[in-house]
Amino acid sequence: MRVDTTGKISLGHIYTRPDPRAYFTTLRDLDYNIPELAKPHFSRLITEYREAHGITAPTVLDIGCSYGINAALLKYGATMAQLYDRYSGPAAHGQTRGTLLALDRELVRSGEPANRVRFLGLDASDNALSYALEAGFLDGAVHADLEDGDPTGEQRERIAETDLVISTGCLGYVTEKTISRIIESRGARRPWMAHFVLRMFPFDPVADRLAEAGYRTVRRDGLFRQRRFATLEEKALVLDRLSDVGVDPSGLETGGWLYAQLYISRPG
């Protein structure tokens, strides 16, 4: 497997397929489960925002949303185990994109949403966004790479709907540039934010930019397993990177897993 400039294996190909089967088949083998671990923390923050602002159905912007996984878990009560079975179980190989979408729409129609919330997805993969929209997981999407440039006027209007911003692993590839452009699109009322960030990626540049915009950031206690290392080479390169940024991997990444931390940022 190829590695990228961060030392992690390159998984870009699994985010650009017409449906999520490659995504879940690849990540199932690596025990990827961070969306499941993030779910109760995001749910709690959504509830706190709803109570603080009196908004019945807050709008959440998911950065790097891929196929709408966080939306499926948070809004419709799915679990990662269910999605792994759906998209990478024995029956998945006989499905088509259309039959998979039909199963997803059945989940969306099956009852009251588990969480009263609107979901917007931000991603550079048009295929992933299209699938999430057609499945009904997302209520809207922004197809853009905000690392490379400002959003269009239409994209800015869509981002301006945001009440909360979340991510589960894209920060490190996505930087303070994207966060700045989201903040600037939102206007005077700043969205709350919750980001799960791998320990190999310092959060300081993002936290500094948020502080400049009037945010206070707190790192929550605890560490969260993202996934297992795919190869010994990946493990060695990530351990080197952790050493370079002054993070001790003893008893954590040395055990074979990537670990993330949770940062909550609120204005004022």
Protein backbone atom coordinates (compact mmCIF):
# COMPACT_ATOMS: atom_id res chain seq x y z
CA MET A 1 0.00 0.00 0.00
CA ARG A 2 1.21 3.51 -0.81
CA VAL A 3 1.61 6.05 1.97
CA ASP A 4 0.90 9.74 1.66
CA THR A 5 2.96 12.70 2.85
CA THR A 6 1.69 12.30 6.43
CA GLY A 7 2.94 8.71 6.70
CA LYS A 8 -0.56 7.20 6.63
CA ILE A 9 -1.59 4.81 3.89
CA SER A 10 -3.26 6.48 0.93
CA LEU A 11 -7.00 5.77 1.00
CA GLY A 12 -8.18 8.44 -1.42
CA HIS A 13 -9.56 5.86 -3.83
CA ILE A 14 -12.25 4.62 -1.42
CA TYR A 15 -13.91 8.06 -1.19
CA THR A 16 -14.53 8.51 -4.90
CA ARG A 17 -16.49 5.41 -5.91
CA PRO A 18 -20.16 5.65 -6.97
CA ASP A 19 -21.27 3.82 -3.80
CA PRO A 20 -19.79 3.09 -0.34
CA ARG A 21 -18.82 -0.56 -0.82
CA ALA A 22 -15.08 0.03 -1.30
CA TYR A 23 -15.11 2.47 1.64
CA PHE A 24 -16.65 0.00 4.08
CA THR A 25 -14.87 -3.08 2.75
CA THR A 26 -11.48 -1.42 3.19
CA LEU A 27 -12.15 0.19 6.55
CA ARG A 28 -13.85 -2.87 8.04
CA ASP A 29 -10.54 -4.73 7.75
CA LEU A 30 -8.92 -1.92 9.76
CA ASP A 31 -11.60 -1.86 12.49
CA TYR A 32 -12.41 1.77 11.71
CA ASN A 33 -15.01 2.89 14.25
CA ILE A 34 -14.47 6.57 15.09
CA PRO A 35 -17.96 7.68 13.89
CA GLU A 36 -19.52 5.27 16.41
CA LEU A 37 -17.34 6.62 19.22
CA ALA A 38 -18.08 10.19 18.18
CA LYS A 39 -21.84 9.70 18.04
CA PRO A 40 -22.73 10.27 21.74
CA HIS A 41 -20.45 13.31 21.94
CA PHE A 42 -21.99 14.92 18.86
CA SER A 43 -25.50 14.07 20.10
CA ARG A 44 -24.79 15.74 23.42
CA LEU A 45 -23.44 18.87 21.74
CA ILE A 46 -26.44 19.08 19.43
CA THR A 47 -28.76 18.87 22.45
CA GLU A 48 -26.79 21.56 24.27
CA TYR A 49 -26.94 23.83 21.23
CA ARG A 50 -30.67 23.23 20.82
CA GLU A 51 -31.32 24.15 24.45
CA ALA A 52 -28.98 27.16 24.41
CA HIS A 53 -30.42 28.72 21.25
CA GLY A 54 -33.99 27.44 21.19
CA ILE A 55 -33.54 25.91 17.72
CA THR A 56 -35.61 22.76 17.27
CA ALA A 57 -33.59 21.28 14.42
CA PRO A 58 -30.05 22.70 14.29
CA THR A 59 -28.08 22.45 11.05
CA VAL A 60 -24.85 20.47 11.23
CA LEU A 61 -22.05 20.82 8.68
CA ASP A 62 -19.94 17.66 8.46
CA ILE A 63 -16.48 18.40 7.03
CA GLY A 64 -15.19 15.47 4.99
CA CYS A 65 -18.57 13.77 5.21
CA SER A 66 -17.82 11.16 2.49
CA TYR A 67 -20.97 9.04 2.04
CA GLY A 68 -22.91 10.68 4.89
CA ILE A 69 -21.83 8.25 7.59
CA ASN A 70 -22.15 10.65 10.53
CA ALA A 71 -25.58 11.72 9.28
CA ALA A 72 -26.74 8.09 9.03
CA LEU A 73 -25.59 7.42 12.59
CA LEU A 74 -26.73 10.63 14.23
CA LYS A 75 -29.94 11.42 12.38
CA TYR A 76 -31.26 7.97 11.56
CA GLY A 77 -29.88 5.85 14.41
CA ALA A 78 -27.74 3.54 12.27
CA THR A 79 -24.66 1.85 13.72
CA MET A 80 -21.31 1.20 12.09
CA ALA A 81 -21.93 -2.54 12.46
CA GLN A 82 -25.16 -2.23 10.47
CA LEU A 83 -23.48 -0.17 7.75
CA TYR A 84 -20.55 -2.59 7.53
CA ASP A 85 -22.99 -5.45 7.04
CA ARG A 86 -24.96 -3.49 4.45
CA TYR A 87 -22.06 -2.34 2.31
CA SER A 88 -19.39 -5.02 2.86
CA GLY A 89 -21.25 -8.12 4.05
CA PRO A 90 -21.74 -11.22 1.88
CA ALA A 91 -24.91 -9.84 0.27
CA ALA A 92 -23.28 -6.54 -0.73
CA HIS A 93 -21.43 -8.06 -3.69
CA GLY A 94 -24.70 -8.91 -5.40
CA GLN A 95 -26.16 -5.44 -4.97
CA THR A 96 -26.16 -2.55 -7.41
CA ARG A 97 -25.88 1.12 -6.57
CA GLY A 98 -29.64 1.36 -7.07
CA THR A 99 -30.51 -1.50 -4.71
CA LEU A 100 -28.17 -0.11 -2.05
CA LEU A 101 -29.83 3.29 -2.35
CA ALA A 102 -33.24 1.64 -1.96
CA LEU A 103 -32.11 0.06 1.32
CA ASP A 104 -30.82 3.39 2.55
CA ARG A 105 -34.03 5.21 1.64
CA GLU A 106 -35.95 2.55 3.53
CA LEU A 107 -33.85 3.39 6.61
CA VAL A 108 -34.58 7.09 6.13
CA ARG A 109 -38.32 6.46 5.77
CA SER A 110 -38.56 3.89 8.55
CA GLY A 111 -39.63 6.29 11.27
CA GLU A 112 -38.94 9.46 13.16
CA PRO A 113 -35.30 10.57 12.97
CA ALA A 114 -33.28 9.55 16.02
CA ASN A 115 -32.05 13.15 16.23
CA ARG A 116 -33.94 16.25 15.12
CA VAL A 117 -31.23 17.84 13.05
CA ARG A 118 -30.44 18.92 9.47
CA PHE A 119 -27.22 17.64 7.92
CA LEU A 120 -25.06 19.39 5.35
CA GLY A 121 -22.03 17.63 3.91
CA LEU A 122 -18.80 19.28 2.78
CA ASP A 123 -16.52 17.10 0.68
CA ALA A 124 -14.28 17.20 -2.37
CA SER A 125 -15.72 13.90 -3.66
CA ASP A 126 -18.71 14.50 -5.91
CA ASN A 127 -19.52 10.76 -6.03
CA ALA A 128 -19.66 10.44 -2.24
CA LEU A 129 -21.83 13.54 -1.86
CA SER A 130 -24.17 12.44 -4.64
CA TYR A 131 -24.68 9.08 -2.99
CA ALA A 132 -25.35 10.62 0.44
CA LEU A 133 -27.89 13.02 -1.07
CA GLU A 134 -29.68 10.35 -3.08
CA ALA A 135 -29.81 8.06 -0.04
CA GLY A 136 -31.42 10.85 1.96
CA PHE A 137 -28.72 10.96 4.63
CA LEU A 138 -27.81 14.57 3.79
CA ASP A 139 -30.23 17.48 3.52
CA GLY A 140 -27.76 19.46 1.43
CA ALA A 141 -24.19 19.38 0.22
CA VAL A 142 -21.24 21.62 -0.61
CA HIS A 143 -18.95 20.06 -3.21
CA ALA A 144 -15.76 22.02 -2.64
CA ASP A 145 -12.15 21.91 -1.52
CA LEU A 146 -11.87 24.96 0.72
CA GLU A 147 -8.15 24.39 1.14
CA ASP A 148 -7.69 25.60 -2.42
CA GLY A 149 -10.03 28.56 -2.59
CA ASP A 150 -13.01 30.50 -1.30
CA PRO A 151 -16.50 29.08 -1.64
CA THR A 152 -18.71 30.34 -4.43
CA GLY A 153 -21.60 32.64 -3.58
CA GLU A 154 -24.03 29.72 -3.63
CA GLN A 155 -21.75 27.60 -1.45
CA ARG A 156 -21.30 30.48 0.97
CA GLU A 157 -25.07 30.78 1.31
CA ARG A 158 -25.36 27.09 2.04
CA ILE A 159 -22.56 27.16 4.64
CA ALA A 160 -24.22 30.19 6.24
CA GLU A 161 -27.08 27.90 7.36
CA THR A 162 -24.69 26.09 9.73
CA ASP A 163 -25.23 25.95 13.49
CA LEU A 164 -22.63 23.30 14.33
CA VAL A 165 -19.52 22.06 12.51
CA ILE A 166 -18.18 18.53 13.07
CA SER A 167 -15.44 16.27 11.71
CA THR A 168 -14.18 12.77 12.44
CA GLY A 169 -10.69 12.56 11.05
CA CYS A 170 -10.23 14.97 8.17
CA LEU A 171 -8.38 17.67 10.15
CA GLY A 172 -4.72 17.36 9.38
CA TYR A 173 -5.52 17.15 5.69
CA VAL A 174 -8.03 19.94 6.15
CA THR A 175 -6.39 22.89 7.90
CA GLU A 176 -7.22 26.26 9.41
CA LYS A 177 -7.78 27.54 5.85
CA THR A 178 -11.01 25.56 5.55
CA ILE A 179 -12.07 26.47 9.08
CA SER A 180 -11.48 30.16 8.34
CA ARG A 181 -13.57 30.04 5.18
CA ILE A 182 -16.42 28.34 7.02
CA ILE A 183 -16.32 30.97 9.79
CA GLU A 184 -16.26 33.80 7.27
CA SER A 185 -19.22 32.31 5.40
CA ARG A 186 -21.29 32.03 8.56
CA GLY A 187 -21.25 35.74 9.37
CA ALA A 188 -21.73 37.26 12.82
CA ARG A 189 -23.26 34.24 14.59
CA ARG A 190 -20.49 31.70 14.87
CA PRO A 191 -21.25 27.95 14.76
CA TRP A 192 -20.17 25.62 17.55
CA MET A 193 -17.55 23.06 16.55
CA ALA A 194 -16.47 19.55 17.52
CA HIS A 195 -13.48 17.91 15.86
CA PHE A 196 -11.92 14.48 16.38
CA VAL A 197 -8.26 14.95 15.44
CA LEU A 198 -5.54 12.30 15.23
CA ARG A 199 -2.74 12.88 17.73
CA MET A 200 -0.23 12.99 14.87
CA PHE A 201 -1.79 16.28 13.69
CA PRO A 202 -1.28 19.28 16.02
CA PHE A 203 -4.54 21.18 16.53
CA ASP A 204 -2.77 24.42 17.53
CA PRO A 205 -3.03 26.18 14.13
CA VAL A 206 -6.79 25.57 14.03
CA ALA A 207 -7.23 26.53 17.69
CA ASP A 208 -5.25 29.74 17.13
CA ARG A 209 -7.43 30.70 14.16
CA LEU A 210 -10.56 29.94 16.16
CA ALA A 211 -9.26 32.06 19.06
CA GLU A 212 -8.73 34.96 16.66
CA ALA A 213 -12.39 34.60 15.69
CA GLY A 214 -13.51 34.72 19.32
CA TYR A 215 -13.72 31.02 20.12
CA ARG A 216 -12.72 29.18 23.27
CA THR A 217 -11.48 25.64 22.64
CA VAL A 218 -11.39 22.81 25.18
CA ARG A 219 -9.87 19.38 24.67
CA ARG A 220 -12.15 16.76 26.19
CA ASP A 221 -10.70 14.04 28.38
CA GLY A 222 -10.10 10.65 26.84
CA LEU A 223 -8.61 9.23 23.68
CA PHE A 224 -10.49 7.56 20.85
CA ARG A 225 -9.30 4.68 18.67
CA GLN A 226 -9.74 5.59 15.04
CA ARG A 227 -8.48 2.44 13.33
CA ARG A 228 -5.68 -0.11 13.31
CA PHE A 229 -2.51 0.51 11.35
CA ALA A 230 -2.72 -1.10 7.94
CA THR A 231 0.95 -2.05 7.63
CA LEU A 232 4.13 -2.08 9.68
CA GLU A 233 5.47 0.67 7.42
CA GLU A 234 2.50 2.90 8.23
CA LYS A 235 2.97 2.28 11.94
CA ALA A 236 6.68 3.15 11.79
CA LEU A 237 6.07 6.33 9.80
CA VAL A 238 3.27 7.51 12.10
CA LEU A 239 5.37 6.80 15.19
CA ASP A 240 8.15 8.91 13.64
CA ARG A 241 5.69 11.72 12.99
CA LEU A 242 4.37 11.57 16.54
CA SER A 243 7.94 11.87 17.81
CA ASP A 244 8.51 14.85 15.52
CA VAL A 245 5.49 16.71 16.96
CA GLY A 246 6.40 15.83 20.56
CA VAL A 247 3.69 13.25 21.28
CA ASP A 248 4.58 10.14 23.27
CA PRO A 249 2.97 7.07 21.63
CA SER A 250 3.92 4.64 24.41
CA GLY A 251 1.07 2.28 25.26
CA LEU A 252 -1.15 3.85 22.60
CA GLU A 253 -0.05 4.03 18.98
CA THR A 254 2.75 1.59 19.81
CA GLY A 255 -0.05 -0.95 20.39
CA GLY A 256 -1.08 -0.76 16.76
CA TRP A 257 -3.88 1.81 16.67
CA LEU A 258 -4.30 5.41 15.55
CA TYR A 259 -5.75 7.56 18.32
CA ALA A 260 -7.75 10.78 18.13
CA GLN A 261 -8.57 13.56 20.57
CA LEU A 262 -11.81 15.56 20.76
CA TYR A 263 -11.74 19.37 20.64
CA ILE A 264 -14.89 21.41 21.37
CA SER A 265 -14.90 25.06 20.31
CA ARG A 266 -17.59 27.59 21.15
CA PRO A 267 -17.70 31.34 20.50
CA GLY A 268 -17.34 33.65 23.45
